[in-house]
C-alpha atoms as a PDB file:
ATOM      1  CA  MET A   1      -0.131  -0.158  -0.029  1.00  0.00           C
ATOM      2  CA  MET A   2       1.187   3.527  -0.937  1.00  0.00           C
ATOM      3  CA  GLY A   3       2.054   5.839   1.823  1.00  0.00           C
ATOM      4  CA  LYS A   4       0.444   9.370   2.128  1.00  0.00           C
ATOM      5  CA  SER A   5       4.086  10.714   1.216  1.00  0.00           C
ATOM      6  CA  LYS A   6       4.202   8.824  -1.792  1.00  0.00           C
ATOM      7  CA  LYS A   7       0.774   9.547  -3.472  1.00  0.00           C
ATOM      8  CA  VAL A   8       1.668  13.095  -2.514  1.00  0.00           C
ATOM      9  CA  ASP A   9       4.724  12.911  -4.617  1.00  0.00           C
ATOM     10  CA  THR A  10       3.096  11.169  -7.121  1.00  0.00           C
ATOM     11  CA  LEU A  11       0.257  13.774  -7.223  1.00  0.00           C
ATOM     12  CA  THR A  12       2.898  16.613  -7.617  1.00  0.00           C
ATOM     13  CA  HIS A  13       4.679  14.811 -10.190  1.00  0.00           C
ATOM     14  CA  ARG A  14       1.523  14.315 -12.550  1.00  0.00           C
ATOM     15  CA  ILE A  15       0.822  18.094 -11.929  1.00  0.00           C
ATOM     16  CA  GLN A  16       4.096  19.203 -12.649  1.00  0.00           C
ATOM     17  CA  HIS A  17       3.706  17.097 -16.127  1.00  0.00           C
ATOM     18  CA  LYS A  18       0.455  18.759 -16.829  1.00  0.00           C
ATOM     19  CA  LYS A  19       2.057  22.252 -16.242  1.00  0.00           C
ATOM     20  CA  LYS A  20       4.786  21.286 -18.609  1.00  0.00           C
ATOM     21  CA  ALA A  21       2.644  19.906 -21.353  1.00  0.00           C
ATOM     22  CA  ILE A  22       0.120  22.887 -21.390  1.00  0.00           C
ATOM     23  CA  LEU A  23       3.265  25.172 -21.420  1.00  0.00           C
ATOM     24  CA  GLU A  24       4.403  23.350 -24.646  1.00  0.00           C
ATOM     25  CA  ALA A  25       1.112  23.462 -26.335  1.00  0.00           C
ATOM     26  CA  LEU A  26       0.883  27.036 -25.643  1.00  0.00           C
ATOM     27  CA  ARG A  27       3.980  27.534 -27.219  1.00  0.00           C
ATOM     28  CA  LEU A  28       2.750  25.462 -30.304  1.00  0.00           C
ATOM     29  CA  THR A  29      -0.571  27.513 -30.141  1.00  0.00           C
ATOM     30  CA  LEU A  30       1.130  30.975 -29.810  1.00  0.00           C
ATOM     31  CA  GLY A  31      -0.766  31.245 -26.597  1.00  0.00           C
ATOM     32  CA  VAL A  32      -4.400  30.375 -27.644  1.00  0.00           C
ATOM     33  CA  VAL A  33      -5.610  28.782 -24.315  1.00  0.00           C
ATOM     34  CA  SER A  34      -8.567  26.953 -25.563  1.00  0.00           C
ATOM     35  CA  VAL A  35      -6.596  25.157 -28.242  1.00  0.00           C
ATOM     36  CA  ALA A  36      -3.816  24.301 -26.204  1.00  0.00           C
ATOM     37  CA  CYS A  37      -6.193  22.953 -23.264  1.00  0.00           C
ATOM     38  CA  GLU A  38      -8.126  20.972 -26.061  1.00  0.00           C
ATOM     39  CA  ARG A  39      -4.974  19.593 -27.242  1.00  0.00           C
ATOM     40  CA  ILE A  40      -3.539  18.113 -24.221  1.00  0.00           C
ATOM     41  CA  LYS A  41      -6.965  17.360 -22.635  1.00  0.00           C
ATOM     42  CA  MET A  42      -7.212  19.830 -19.661  1.00  0.00           C
ATOM     43  CA  ASP A  43      -9.947  21.760 -18.741  1.00  0.00           C
ATOM     44  CA  ARG A  44      -9.657  25.601 -19.101  1.00  0.00           C
ATOM     45  CA  SER A  45     -10.574  25.945 -15.282  1.00  0.00           C
ATOM     46  CA  THR A  46      -7.640  23.835 -14.511  1.00  0.00           C
ATOM     47  CA  PHE A  47      -5.295  26.167 -16.626  1.00  0.00           C
ATOM     48  CA  TYR A  48      -6.537  29.326 -15.053  1.00  0.00           C
ATOM     49  CA  LYS A  49      -6.176  27.734 -11.375  1.00  0.00           C
ATOM     50  CA  TYR A  50      -2.565  26.953 -12.154  1.00  0.00           C
ATOM     51  CA  MET A  51      -2.183  30.448 -13.721  1.00  0.00           C
ATOM     52  CA  LYS A  52      -3.747  32.083 -10.469  1.00  0.00           C
ATOM     53  CA  GLU A  53      -2.012  29.790  -7.797  1.00  0.00           C
ATOM     54  CA  ASP A  54       1.838  29.373  -9.239  1.00  0.00           C
ATOM     55  CA  GLU A  55       3.809  32.132  -9.515  1.00  0.00           C
ATOM     56  CA  ASP A  56       6.485  30.324 -11.905  1.00  0.00           C
ATOM     57  CA  PHE A  57       3.472  29.012 -14.084  1.00  0.00           C
ATOM     58  CA  HIS A  58       2.363  32.314 -14.447  1.00  0.00           C
ATOM     59  CA  ALA A  59       5.557  33.989 -15.433  1.00  0.00           C
ATOM     60  CA  ALA A  60       6.254  31.354 -18.091  1.00  0.00           C
ATOM     61  CA  LEU A  61       2.851  32.330 -19.566  1.00  0.00           C
ATOM     62  CA  ILE A  62       4.192  35.825 -19.695  1.00  0.00           C
ATOM     63  CA  GLU A  63       7.225  34.777 -21.555  1.00  0.00           C
ATOM     64  CA  ILE A  64       4.954  32.792 -24.007  1.00  0.00           C
ATOM     65  CA  GLU A  65       2.657  35.564 -24.450  1.00  0.00           C
ATOM     66  CA  ASP A  66       5.906  37.757 -25.435  1.00  0.00           C
ATOM     67  CA  TYR A  67       6.972  35.186 -28.130  1.00  0.00           C
ATOM     68  CA  ALA A  68       3.598  35.204 -29.550  1.00  0.00           C
ATOM     69  CA  LEU A  69       3.572  38.863 -30.057  1.00  0.00           C
ATOM     70  CA  ASP A  70       7.109  38.859 -31.470  1.00  0.00           C
ATOM     71  CA  PHE A  71       6.027  36.137 -33.638  1.00  0.00           C
ATOM     72  CA  ALA A  72       3.046  38.351 -34.837  1.00  0.00           C
ATOM     73  CA  GLU A  73       4.993  41.415 -35.694  1.00  0.00           C
END
């Protein structure tokens, strides 16, 4: 049986994996949230939760927005 610490580590790992996946999808879609979420099968509400609660995730989003703006110019 898995201990509580092991379950938390596994959950944390899955969340970090999902965050990396959505950031990559956002890079590929030039920051289009709905398309990126659809590609990796993530609810937009989860995306916005990550954005609100994780400063590093939010900072990465700003970098992607800057990249998308540079691409558009």
